[in-house]
Structures are given as structure tokens and as C-alpha cells.
Amino acid sequence: MSEEEIDAQILQGIPDHELHDFLAWRDRVRDANISGKTLLATDYLNHFNEIVMLIEMVPDMPDMVEDCRAWHPKSYQQHFRDSGFSEKDLAIEAYDHVPNKFRSPFEATIAQMDAVILFTLDRMESAIAADDSDRLRFDCSTSVEMLHKIMQVANGIIHGTTHVMQQTEIDDYMGR
């Protein structure tokens, strides 16, 4: 697919009342580490990478669950307020100009990720309290796998796709 075809696909579905603003903001983020396709930055996913790495350690170091509990969901803009990201002010400001075509699936995906993480923290604590290391290892492993899938979706949205995971897949996972 040519660059022009990709750009046309990105712009397709953005309503006129958002389009002019979006195009102006694309120019503003052109030289920043922010996607010109969506106005979103992948740096936000570092907030989730941190907790995933901690969850991966818990089966071998159960006391790491305390570090996991210190993690809390953060909005996109709050993440950047707290970060050392060099273009954090631009990322914060640009978020208000992300077309709904990308913002809605992005926020839904982040909500799914937050829910899976909080569910996982409860499951880990339960397995630790029951002194069930096999269940702890299984829960951590399957949760990390699910979180990686959701992060791939979030990364795709940041780079211009609008594919989301079906809520039933998340519900099935959490209902296991």
C-alpha cells in the first residue's frame, strides 16, 4: 500500500468537524515522538510494560506482589504529567485533538488493560494467600499473555488501526 493510500485510510471516517484540527495537529507533532497518524505516543505503554514485568517476576519472588499493588491505572495525560518524556507537554496537549476514530477504541483498550491488571493482582494475592505456587505461576503467565495481546492492540491503535479486542474475549478470560 502506498503512503497516499495509507494516509487516505487514516483520514477515512474522521468527521469534518474534527478533520481540520487533526490535520493542523499532525503538522505540530511531525518531528516529535508522537504518531502523526493518530496524535498518540507509544510512551504511554511504558506504564503497562512496568507492571507486566513485575507480574512476570511474582511467581519466583512472591513478595513482588507489594510492588505490583503500588501500580495504579493512570490516564494518558497523567502518565505524561508524571513522565520524563521529552515531548510530554505536546503529548498532553495533542491528546485533546485525537480524533474520536482513534480515541474511543484506544480508551476502551486501556480500560480493558486496567481491568485485567486489577483482576490479576487480586488473583495473585489469592494464590499467594493459599500458598498455591502452581496457580500463581499459571495466573501470572496467562495474565501476561493476555496483557501482551491487549498492548499489541493499543500499539496498533497508536499507529493508526482501529482494531480492538472483543470485550467477550476479556470477559471470558476474567471469568475463567
N, C-alpha and C. Protein backbone atom coordinates (compact mmCIF):
# COMPACT_ATOMS: atom_id res chain seq x y z
N MET A 1 0.85 -1.17 0.00
CA MET A 1 0.00 0.00 0.00
C MET A 1 0.90 1.24 0.00
N SER A 2 0.58 2.21 -0.83
CA SER A 2 1.38 3.43 -0.91
C SER A 2 1.11 4.33 0.29
N GLU A 3 2.01 5.28 0.51
CA GLU A 3 1.87 6.23 1.62
C GLU A 3 0.56 7.03 1.48
N GLU A 4 0.20 7.37 0.24
CA GLU A 4 -1.03 8.13 0.00
C GLU A 4 -2.26 7.29 0.35
N GLU A 5 -2.21 5.99 0.02
CA GLU A 5 -3.33 5.10 0.34
C GLU A 5 -3.46 4.91 1.85
N ILE A 6 -2.34 4.80 2.51
CA ILE A 6 -2.35 4.67 3.98
C ILE A 6 -2.93 5.93 4.60
N ASP A 7 -2.48 7.09 4.11
CA ASP A 7 -2.98 8.36 4.63
C ASP A 7 -4.48 8.51 4.39
N ALA A 8 -4.94 8.12 3.22
CA ALA A 8 -6.37 8.19 2.92
C ALA A 8 -7.16 7.29 3.85
N GLN A 9 -6.59 6.12 4.15
CA GLN A 9 -7.25 5.18 5.07
C GLN A 9 -7.31 5.77 6.49
N ILE A 10 -6.25 6.44 6.91
CA ILE A 10 -6.21 7.07 8.23
C ILE A 10 -7.29 8.15 8.31
N LEU A 11 -7.40 8.97 7.29
CA LEU A 11 -8.33 10.10 7.30
C LEU A 11 -9.78 9.66 7.11
N GLN A 12 -9.99 8.50 6.51
CA GLN A 12 -11.34 8.00 6.28
C GLN A 12 -12.05 7.81 7.62
N GLY A 13 -13.24 8.34 7.71
CA GLY A 13 -14.04 8.17 8.92
C GLY A 13 -13.84 9.25 9.97
N ILE A 14 -12.94 10.19 9.70
CA ILE A 14 -12.79 11.32 10.62
C ILE A 14 -13.78 12.38 10.16
N PRO A 15 -14.74 12.73 11.00
CA PRO A 15 -15.75 13.71 10.59
C PRO A 15 -15.14 15.08 10.30
N ASP A 16 -15.81 15.82 9.44
CA ASP A 16 -15.31 17.13 9.02
C ASP A 16 -15.01 18.04 10.21
N HIS A 17 -15.85 17.99 11.25
CA HIS A 17 -15.65 18.89 12.39
C HIS A 17 -14.37 18.56 13.18
N GLU A 18 -13.77 17.39 12.96
CA GLU A 18 -12.50 17.01 13.61
C GLU A 18 -11.32 17.10 12.64
N LEU A 19 -11.59 17.01 11.36
CA LEU A 19 -10.54 16.84 10.36
C LEU A 19 -9.56 18.01 10.29
N HIS A 20 -10.06 19.24 10.20
CA HIS A 20 -9.17 20.41 10.08
C HIS A 20 -8.24 20.50 11.28
N ASP A 21 -8.79 20.35 12.46
CA ASP A 21 -8.00 20.39 13.69
C ASP A 21 -6.95 19.28 13.71
N PHE A 22 -7.36 18.07 13.32
CA PHE A 22 -6.46 16.93 13.29
C PHE A 22 -5.29 17.19 12.34
N LEU A 23 -5.58 17.68 11.15
CA LEU A 23 -4.53 17.95 10.17
C LEU A 23 -3.55 19.00 10.68
N ALA A 24 -4.05 20.02 11.36
CA ALA A 24 -3.18 21.05 11.93
C ALA A 24 -2.28 20.44 13.02
N TRP A 25 -2.84 19.57 13.82
CA TRP A 25 -2.05 18.93 14.88
C TRP A 25 -1.05 17.93 14.33
N ARG A 26 -1.37 17.30 13.24
CA ARG A 26 -0.39 16.40 12.62
C ARG A 26 0.88 17.16 12.28
N ASP A 27 0.73 18.38 11.79
CA ASP A 27 1.90 19.20 11.48
C ASP A 27 2.67 19.55 12.75
N ARG A 28 1.96 19.80 13.84
CA ARG A 28 2.62 20.17 15.11
C ARG A 28 3.45 19.04 15.69
N VAL A 29 3.03 17.78 15.48
CA VAL A 29 3.74 16.65 16.08
C VAL A 29 4.73 16.00 15.09
N ARG A 30 4.85 16.56 13.92
CA ARG A 30 5.65 15.95 12.85
C ARG A 30 7.05 15.52 13.30
N ASP A 31 7.76 16.33 14.03
CA ASP A 31 9.13 16.00 14.42
C ASP A 31 9.22 15.47 15.85
N ALA A 32 8.10 15.15 16.45
CA ALA A 32 8.07 14.64 17.82
C ALA A 32 7.93 13.12 17.80
N ASN A 33 8.14 12.51 18.93
CA ASN A 33 7.98 11.07 19.06
C ASN A 33 6.51 10.75 19.39
N ILE A 34 5.64 11.30 18.55
CA ILE A 34 4.19 11.16 18.65
C ILE A 34 3.70 10.79 17.27
N SER A 35 2.81 9.82 17.17
CA SER A 35 2.34 9.37 15.87
C SER A 35 1.58 10.47 15.14
N GLY A 36 2.04 10.78 13.94
CA GLY A 36 1.33 11.72 13.09
C GLY A 36 0.06 11.13 12.51
N LYS A 37 -0.10 9.82 12.66
CA LYS A 37 -1.32 9.18 12.17
C LYS A 37 -2.47 9.32 13.15
N THR A 38 -2.15 9.43 14.44
CA THR A 38 -3.22 9.44 15.45
C THR A 38 -3.07 10.52 16.51
N LEU A 39 -1.89 11.11 16.64
CA LEU A 39 -1.53 12.08 17.68
C LEU A 39 -1.29 11.40 19.03
N LEU A 40 -1.11 10.08 19.04
CA LEU A 40 -0.85 9.33 20.26
C LEU A 40 0.62 8.93 20.31
N ALA A 41 1.14 8.73 21.53
CA ALA A 41 2.54 8.35 21.70
C ALA A 41 2.63 6.98 22.36
N THR A 42 3.51 6.16 21.84
CA THR A 42 3.70 4.82 22.39
C THR A 42 4.31 4.85 23.79
N ASP A 43 4.90 5.95 24.19
CA ASP A 43 5.50 6.04 25.52
C ASP A 43 4.47 5.71 26.61
N TYR A 44 3.21 5.96 26.35
CA TYR A 44 2.17 5.65 27.35
C TYR A 44 2.18 4.17 27.70
N LEU A 45 2.52 3.33 26.76
CA LEU A 45 2.52 1.89 27.02
C LEU A 45 3.59 1.47 28.03
N ASN A 46 4.57 2.35 28.27
CA ASN A 46 5.57 2.05 29.30
C ASN A 46 4.93 1.90 30.68
N HIS A 47 3.85 2.61 30.89
CA HIS A 47 3.10 2.49 32.16
C HIS A 47 2.65 1.05 32.36
N PHE A 48 2.28 0.38 31.29
CA PHE A 48 1.81 -1.01 31.37
C PHE A 48 2.97 -2.00 31.30
N ASN A 49 4.00 -1.66 30.54
CA ASN A 49 5.17 -2.55 30.48
C ASN A 49 5.77 -2.76 31.86
N GLU A 50 5.77 -1.72 32.67
CA GLU A 50 6.33 -1.82 34.03
C GLU A 50 5.59 -2.86 34.86
N ILE A 51 4.27 -2.81 34.86
CA ILE A 51 3.51 -3.75 35.69
C ILE A 51 3.60 -5.16 35.12
N VAL A 52 3.64 -5.29 33.81
CA VAL A 52 3.77 -6.62 33.21
C VAL A 52 5.09 -7.26 33.64
N MET A 53 6.17 -6.48 33.64
CA MET A 53 7.46 -7.03 34.08
C MET A 53 7.40 -7.45 35.54
N LEU A 54 6.73 -6.69 36.37
CA LEU A 54 6.60 -7.06 37.78
C LEU A 54 5.78 -8.33 37.94
N ILE A 55 4.67 -8.44 37.21
CA ILE A 55 3.82 -9.64 37.29
C ILE A 55 4.63 -10.87 36.88
N GLU A 56 5.46 -10.71 35.86
CA GLU A 56 6.29 -11.84 35.41
C GLU A 56 7.24 -12.33 36.51
N MET A 57 7.65 -11.44 37.41
CA MET A 57 8.58 -11.81 38.48
C MET A 57 7.91 -12.47 39.68
N VAL A 58 6.62 -12.23 39.86
CA VAL A 58 5.93 -12.68 41.07
C VAL A 58 6.02 -14.19 41.32
N PRO A 59 5.88 -15.06 40.33
CA PRO A 59 5.95 -16.50 40.63
C PRO A 59 7.27 -16.91 41.30
N ASP A 60 8.36 -16.25 40.93
CA ASP A 60 9.66 -16.58 41.52
C ASP A 60 9.95 -15.74 42.77
N MET A 61 9.30 -14.60 42.88
CA MET A 61 9.51 -13.70 44.03
C MET A 61 8.15 -13.17 44.49
N PRO A 62 7.38 -13.99 45.20
CA PRO A 62 6.02 -13.59 45.59
C PRO A 62 5.94 -12.27 46.35
N ASP A 63 7.01 -11.88 47.03
CA ASP A 63 6.97 -10.61 47.75
C ASP A 63 6.89 -9.41 46.80
N MET A 64 7.12 -9.63 45.50
CA MET A 64 6.99 -8.57 44.49
C MET A 64 5.54 -8.13 44.31
N VAL A 65 4.61 -8.90 44.87
CA VAL A 65 3.20 -8.53 44.75
C VAL A 65 2.96 -7.16 45.40
N GLU A 66 3.75 -6.82 46.41
CA GLU A 66 3.63 -5.50 47.04
C GLU A 66 3.98 -4.39 46.05
N ASP A 67 5.03 -4.61 45.27
CA ASP A 67 5.40 -3.64 44.23
C ASP A 67 4.29 -3.56 43.18
N CYS A 68 3.70 -4.68 42.87
CA CYS A 68 2.59 -4.69 41.90
C CYS A 68 1.41 -3.88 42.42
N ARG A 69 1.12 -4.01 43.69
CA ARG A 69 -0.01 -3.28 44.29
C ARG A 69 0.24 -1.77 44.32
N ALA A 70 1.49 -1.36 44.23
CA ALA A 70 1.79 0.07 44.19
C ALA A 70 1.42 0.69 42.84
N TRP A 71 1.23 -0.17 41.83
CA TRP A 71 0.84 0.30 40.50
C TRP A 71 -0.64 0.68 40.52
N HIS A 72 -0.96 1.77 39.86
CA HIS A 72 -2.35 2.19 39.73
C HIS A 72 -2.60 2.65 38.31
N PRO A 73 -3.83 2.44 37.82
CA PRO A 73 -4.13 2.96 36.49
C PRO A 73 -3.87 4.47 36.43
N LYS A 74 -3.39 4.91 35.29
CA LYS A 74 -3.16 6.34 35.05
C LYS A 74 -3.75 6.67 33.69
N SER A 75 -4.37 7.81 33.63
CA SER A 75 -4.84 8.28 32.33
C SER A 75 -3.63 8.59 31.46
N TYR A 76 -3.88 8.69 30.19
CA TYR A 76 -2.84 9.03 29.22
C TYR A 76 -2.15 10.32 29.64
N GLN A 77 -2.95 11.34 29.90
CA GLN A 77 -2.38 12.64 30.23
C GLN A 77 -1.65 12.62 31.57
N GLN A 78 -2.17 11.87 32.55
CA GLN A 78 -1.49 11.79 33.84
C GLN A 78 -0.14 11.09 33.70
N HIS A 79 -0.11 10.06 32.88
CA HIS A 79 1.17 9.38 32.64
C HIS A 79 2.22 10.38 32.17
N PHE A 80 1.85 11.21 31.22
CA PHE A 80 2.82 12.15 30.68
C PHE A 80 3.15 13.26 31.67
N ARG A 81 2.19 13.69 32.49
CA ARG A 81 2.50 14.68 33.52
C ARG A 81 3.59 14.15 34.46
N ASP A 82 3.54 12.84 34.74
CA ASP A 82 4.48 12.21 35.68
C ASP A 82 5.75 11.71 35.02
N SER A 83 5.84 11.79 33.71
CA SER A 83 6.95 11.15 33.00
C SER A 83 8.09 12.11 32.71
N GLY A 84 9.18 11.53 32.27
CA GLY A 84 10.32 12.31 31.82
C GLY A 84 10.36 12.42 30.30
N PHE A 85 9.27 12.05 29.65
CA PHE A 85 9.18 12.08 28.19
C PHE A 85 9.49 13.50 27.70
N SER A 86 10.41 13.61 26.76
CA SER A 86 10.89 14.93 26.34
C SER A 86 9.80 15.81 25.74
N GLU A 87 8.81 15.21 25.11
CA GLU A 87 7.74 15.99 24.49
C GLU A 87 6.42 15.84 25.25
N LYS A 88 6.54 15.70 26.58
CA LYS A 88 5.35 15.38 27.37
C LYS A 88 4.27 16.47 27.28
N ASP A 89 4.65 17.73 27.27
CA ASP A 89 3.64 18.79 27.19
C ASP A 89 2.88 18.73 25.86
N LEU A 90 3.61 18.45 24.79
CA LEU A 90 2.98 18.32 23.48
C LEU A 90 2.06 17.09 23.45
N ALA A 91 2.51 15.98 24.04
CA ALA A 91 1.68 14.76 24.09
C ALA A 91 0.40 15.02 24.86
N ILE A 92 0.50 15.73 25.97
CA ILE A 92 -0.69 16.04 26.80
C ILE A 92 -1.66 16.91 26.01
N GLU A 93 -1.13 17.93 25.38
CA GLU A 93 -1.98 18.85 24.63
C GLU A 93 -2.58 18.18 23.39
N ALA A 94 -1.79 17.38 22.70
CA ALA A 94 -2.26 16.72 21.48
C ALA A 94 -3.40 15.75 21.76
N TYR A 95 -3.42 15.17 22.96
CA TYR A 95 -4.45 14.16 23.27
C TYR A 95 -5.86 14.72 23.12
N ASP A 96 -6.04 15.99 23.41
CA ASP A 96 -7.36 16.61 23.26
C ASP A 96 -7.77 16.75 21.80
N HIS A 97 -6.85 16.48 20.88
CA HIS A 97 -7.13 16.64 19.46
C HIS A 97 -7.11 15.31 18.70
N VAL A 98 -6.98 14.21 19.43
CA VAL A 98 -7.02 12.88 18.81
C VAL A 98 -8.45 12.65 18.30
N PRO A 99 -8.60 12.32 17.03
CA PRO A 99 -9.95 12.06 16.51
C PRO A 99 -10.62 10.91 17.26
N ASN A 100 -11.91 11.04 17.43
CA ASN A 100 -12.68 10.01 18.13
C ASN A 100 -12.50 8.64 17.48
N LYS A 101 -12.22 8.61 16.20
CA LYS A 101 -11.98 7.35 15.47
C LYS A 101 -10.89 6.54 16.17
N PHE A 102 -9.91 7.23 16.74
CA PHE A 102 -8.81 6.56 17.44
C PHE A 102 -8.97 6.63 18.96
N ARG A 103 -9.49 7.73 19.44
CA ARG A 103 -9.59 7.91 20.89
C ARG A 103 -10.53 6.88 21.52
N SER A 104 -11.68 6.66 20.94
CA SER A 104 -12.64 5.71 21.54
C SER A 104 -12.09 4.30 21.64
N PRO A 105 -11.56 3.72 20.55
CA PRO A 105 -11.00 2.37 20.70
C PRO A 105 -9.77 2.34 21.60
N PHE A 106 -8.99 3.41 21.60
CA PHE A 106 -7.82 3.48 22.46
C PHE A 106 -8.24 3.46 23.93
N GLU A 107 -9.18 4.31 24.29
CA GLU A 107 -9.63 4.36 25.68
C GLU A 107 -10.31 3.07 26.10
N ALA A 108 -11.06 2.44 25.20
CA ALA A 108 -11.68 1.15 25.52
C ALA A 108 -10.61 0.08 25.75
N THR A 109 -9.57 0.11 24.95
CA THR A 109 -8.48 -0.86 25.09
C THR A 109 -7.73 -0.64 26.40
N ILE A 110 -7.49 0.60 26.75
CA ILE A 110 -6.81 0.91 28.01
C ILE A 110 -7.67 0.47 29.18
N ALA A 111 -8.97 0.68 29.10
CA ALA A 111 -9.88 0.24 30.17
C ALA A 111 -9.81 -1.28 30.32
N GLN A 112 -9.73 -2.00 29.20
CA GLN A 112 -9.59 -3.46 29.26
C GLN A 112 -8.29 -3.84 29.95
N MET A 113 -7.22 -3.15 29.60
CA MET A 113 -5.93 -3.47 30.19
C MET A 113 -5.94 -3.20 31.70
N ASP A 114 -6.48 -2.07 32.09
CA ASP A 114 -6.58 -1.75 33.52
C ASP A 114 -7.37 -2.83 34.26
N ALA A 115 -8.49 -3.25 33.68
CA ALA A 115 -9.33 -4.27 34.32
C ALA A 115 -8.59 -5.59 34.47
N VAL A 116 -7.87 -6.01 33.44
CA VAL A 116 -7.12 -7.27 33.51
C VAL A 116 -6.02 -7.17 34.56
N ILE A 117 -5.35 -6.05 34.64
CA ILE A 117 -4.28 -5.90 35.64
C ILE A 117 -4.86 -5.97 37.05
N LEU A 118 -5.92 -5.24 37.30
CA LEU A 118 -6.51 -5.26 38.64
C LEU A 118 -7.04 -6.65 39.00
N PHE A 119 -7.62 -7.33 38.04
CA PHE A 119 -8.08 -8.71 38.22
C PHE A 119 -6.89 -9.61 38.55
N THR A 120 -5.81 -9.43 37.82
CA THR A 120 -4.60 -10.23 38.02
C THR A 120 -4.02 -10.01 39.42
N LEU A 121 -4.00 -8.78 39.88
CA LEU A 121 -3.46 -8.50 41.21
C LEU A 121 -4.26 -9.25 42.28
N ASP A 122 -5.58 -9.25 42.14
CA ASP A 122 -6.42 -9.99 43.08
C ASP A 122 -6.14 -11.49 43.02
N ARG A 123 -6.01 -12.02 41.81
CA ARG A 123 -5.74 -13.46 41.64
C ARG A 123 -4.39 -13.84 42.23
N MET A 124 -3.39 -12.99 42.02
CA MET A 124 -2.07 -13.28 42.57
C MET A 124 -2.10 -13.32 44.09
N GLU A 125 -2.75 -12.34 44.68
CA GLU A 125 -2.82 -12.30 46.14
C GLU A 125 -3.57 -13.51 46.68
N SER A 126 -4.60 -13.92 45.99
CA SER A 126 -5.36 -15.10 46.41
C SER A 126 -4.51 -16.36 46.34
N ALA A 127 -3.76 -16.51 45.26
CA ALA A 127 -2.90 -17.69 45.11
C ALA A 127 -1.78 -17.69 46.16
N ILE A 128 -1.24 -16.52 46.44
CA ILE A 128 -0.18 -16.42 47.46
C ILE A 128 -0.75 -16.76 48.84
N ALA A 129 -1.93 -16.22 49.14
CA ALA A 129 -2.57 -16.49 50.44
C ALA A 129 -2.86 -17.98 50.60
N ALA A 130 -3.20 -18.65 49.50
CA ALA A 130 -3.50 -20.08 49.53
C ALA A 130 -2.21 -20.92 49.44
N ASP A 131 -1.08 -20.26 49.34
CA ASP A 131 0.21 -20.94 49.19
C ASP A 131 0.19 -21.92 48.01
N ASP A 132 -0.42 -21.46 46.91
CA ASP A 132 -0.57 -22.29 45.71
C ASP A 132 0.35 -21.75 44.60
N SER A 133 1.58 -22.18 44.61
CA SER A 133 2.56 -21.66 43.66
C SER A 133 2.24 -22.05 42.22
N ASP A 134 1.63 -23.22 42.03
CA ASP A 134 1.26 -23.62 40.66
C ASP A 134 0.19 -22.69 40.10
N ARG A 135 -0.81 -22.40 40.91
CA ARG A 135 -1.87 -21.48 40.47
C ARG A 135 -1.30 -20.09 40.26
N LEU A 136 -0.40 -19.65 41.12
CA LEU A 136 0.23 -18.34 40.98
C LEU A 136 0.99 -18.26 39.65
N ARG A 137 1.78 -19.26 39.35
CA ARG A 137 2.54 -19.29 38.10
C ARG A 137 1.60 -19.27 36.90
N PHE A 138 0.54 -20.08 36.96
CA PHE A 138 -0.43 -20.15 35.86
C PHE A 138 -1.13 -18.80 35.69
N ASP A 139 -1.61 -18.23 36.78
CA ASP A 139 -2.33 -16.95 36.70
C ASP A 139 -1.44 -15.84 36.15
N CYS A 140 -0.21 -15.79 36.62
CA CYS A 140 0.71 -14.76 36.13
C CYS A 140 1.01 -14.96 34.65
N SER A 141 1.26 -16.17 34.27
CA SER A 141 1.58 -16.48 32.88
C SER A 141 0.43 -16.14 31.93
N THR A 142 -0.77 -16.58 32.28
CA THR A 142 -1.91 -16.31 31.39
C THR A 142 -2.26 -14.83 31.39
N SER A 143 -2.08 -14.17 32.51
CA SER A 143 -2.37 -12.73 32.56
C SER A 143 -1.38 -11.96 31.70
N VAL A 144 -0.12 -12.30 31.80
CA VAL A 144 0.90 -11.63 30.99
C VAL A 144 0.61 -11.84 29.51
N GLU A 145 0.22 -13.05 29.15
CA GLU A 145 -0.12 -13.33 27.75
C GLU A 145 -1.28 -12.45 27.29
N MET A 146 -2.32 -12.35 28.11
CA MET A 146 -3.47 -11.52 27.75
C MET A 146 -3.06 -10.05 27.68
N LEU A 147 -2.26 -9.59 28.61
CA LEU A 147 -1.82 -8.19 28.61
C LEU A 147 -0.98 -7.87 27.37
N HIS A 148 -0.15 -8.81 26.96
CA HIS A 148 0.63 -8.59 25.73
C HIS A 148 -0.31 -8.46 24.52
N LYS A 149 -1.35 -9.26 24.47
CA LYS A 149 -2.31 -9.16 23.36
C LYS A 149 -2.98 -7.79 23.36
N ILE A 150 -3.39 -7.35 24.53
CA ILE A 150 -4.08 -6.05 24.62
C ILE A 150 -3.11 -4.92 24.28
N MET A 151 -1.86 -5.03 24.73
CA MET A 151 -0.88 -3.99 24.39
C MET A 151 -0.60 -3.95 22.89
N GLN A 152 -0.63 -5.10 22.23
CA GLN A 152 -0.46 -5.10 20.77
C GLN A 152 -1.60 -4.33 20.11
N VAL A 153 -2.81 -4.51 20.63
CA VAL A 153 -3.95 -3.78 20.09
C VAL A 153 -3.75 -2.28 20.33
N ALA A 154 -3.37 -1.91 21.55
CA ALA A 154 -3.16 -0.49 21.87
C ALA A 154 -2.06 0.10 20.98
N ASN A 155 -0.99 -0.64 20.79
CA ASN A 155 0.09 -0.18 19.93
C ASN A 155 -0.41 0.00 18.49
N GLY A 156 -1.23 -0.92 18.03
CA GLY A 156 -1.80 -0.79 16.69
C GLY A 156 -2.67 0.45 16.56
N ILE A 157 -3.46 0.72 17.57
CA ILE A 157 -4.31 1.92 17.53
C ILE A 157 -3.44 3.17 17.49
N ILE A 158 -2.39 3.20 18.30
CA ILE A 158 -1.48 4.34 18.32
C ILE A 158 -0.90 4.58 16.93
N HIS A 159 -0.69 3.50 16.18
CA HIS A 159 -0.09 3.61 14.85
C HIS A 159 -1.12 3.64 13.72
N GLY A 160 -2.40 3.78 14.06
CA GLY A 160 -3.38 4.05 13.02
C GLY A 160 -4.40 2.99 12.70
N THR A 161 -4.44 1.89 13.44
CA THR A 161 -5.52 0.93 13.19
C THR A 161 -6.60 1.15 14.25
N THR A 162 -7.78 0.68 13.96
CA THR A 162 -8.87 0.85 14.92
C THR A 162 -9.38 -0.50 15.41
N HIS A 163 -8.59 -1.55 15.22
CA HIS A 163 -8.96 -2.88 15.69
C HIS A 163 -8.91 -2.90 17.22
N VAL A 164 -9.94 -3.47 17.82
CA VAL A 164 -9.95 -3.66 19.27
C VAL A 164 -10.24 -5.11 19.58
N MET A 165 -9.88 -5.53 20.78
CA MET A 165 -10.24 -6.88 21.21
C MET A 165 -11.71 -6.87 21.57
N GLN A 166 -12.36 -7.96 21.33
CA GLN A 166 -13.76 -8.08 21.70
C GLN A 166 -13.87 -8.17 23.22
N GLN A 167 -14.80 -7.45 23.79
CA GLN A 167 -14.97 -7.46 25.23
C GLN A 167 -15.27 -8.87 25.73
N THR A 168 -15.92 -9.69 24.91
CA THR A 168 -16.23 -11.06 25.32
C THR A 168 -14.95 -11.85 25.56
N GLU A 169 -13.88 -11.57 24.77
CA GLU A 169 -12.61 -12.26 24.99
C GLU A 169 -12.03 -11.90 26.35
N ILE A 170 -12.13 -10.64 26.72
CA ILE A 170 -11.66 -10.20 28.04
C ILE A 170 -12.54 -10.80 29.13
N ASP A 171 -13.85 -10.74 28.94
CA ASP A 171 -14.78 -11.29 29.92
C ASP A 171 -14.57 -12.79 30.12
N ASP A 172 -14.36 -13.51 29.02
CA ASP A 172 -14.09 -14.95 29.12
C ASP A 172 -12.83 -15.22 29.92
N TYR A 173 -11.81 -14.41 29.66
CA TYR A 173 -10.55 -14.58 30.38
C TYR A 173 -10.76 -14.34 31.88
N MET A 174 -11.45 -13.27 32.21
CA MET A 174 -11.63 -12.92 33.62
C MET A 174 -12.65 -13.79 34.32
N GLY A 175 -13.45 -14.50 33.56
CA GLY A 175 -14.46 -15.38 34.15
C GLY A 175 -13.98 -16.82 34.30
N ARG A 176 -12.75 -17.06 33.91
CA ARG A 176 -12.25 -18.44 33.93
C ARG A 176 -12.24 -19.06 35.30
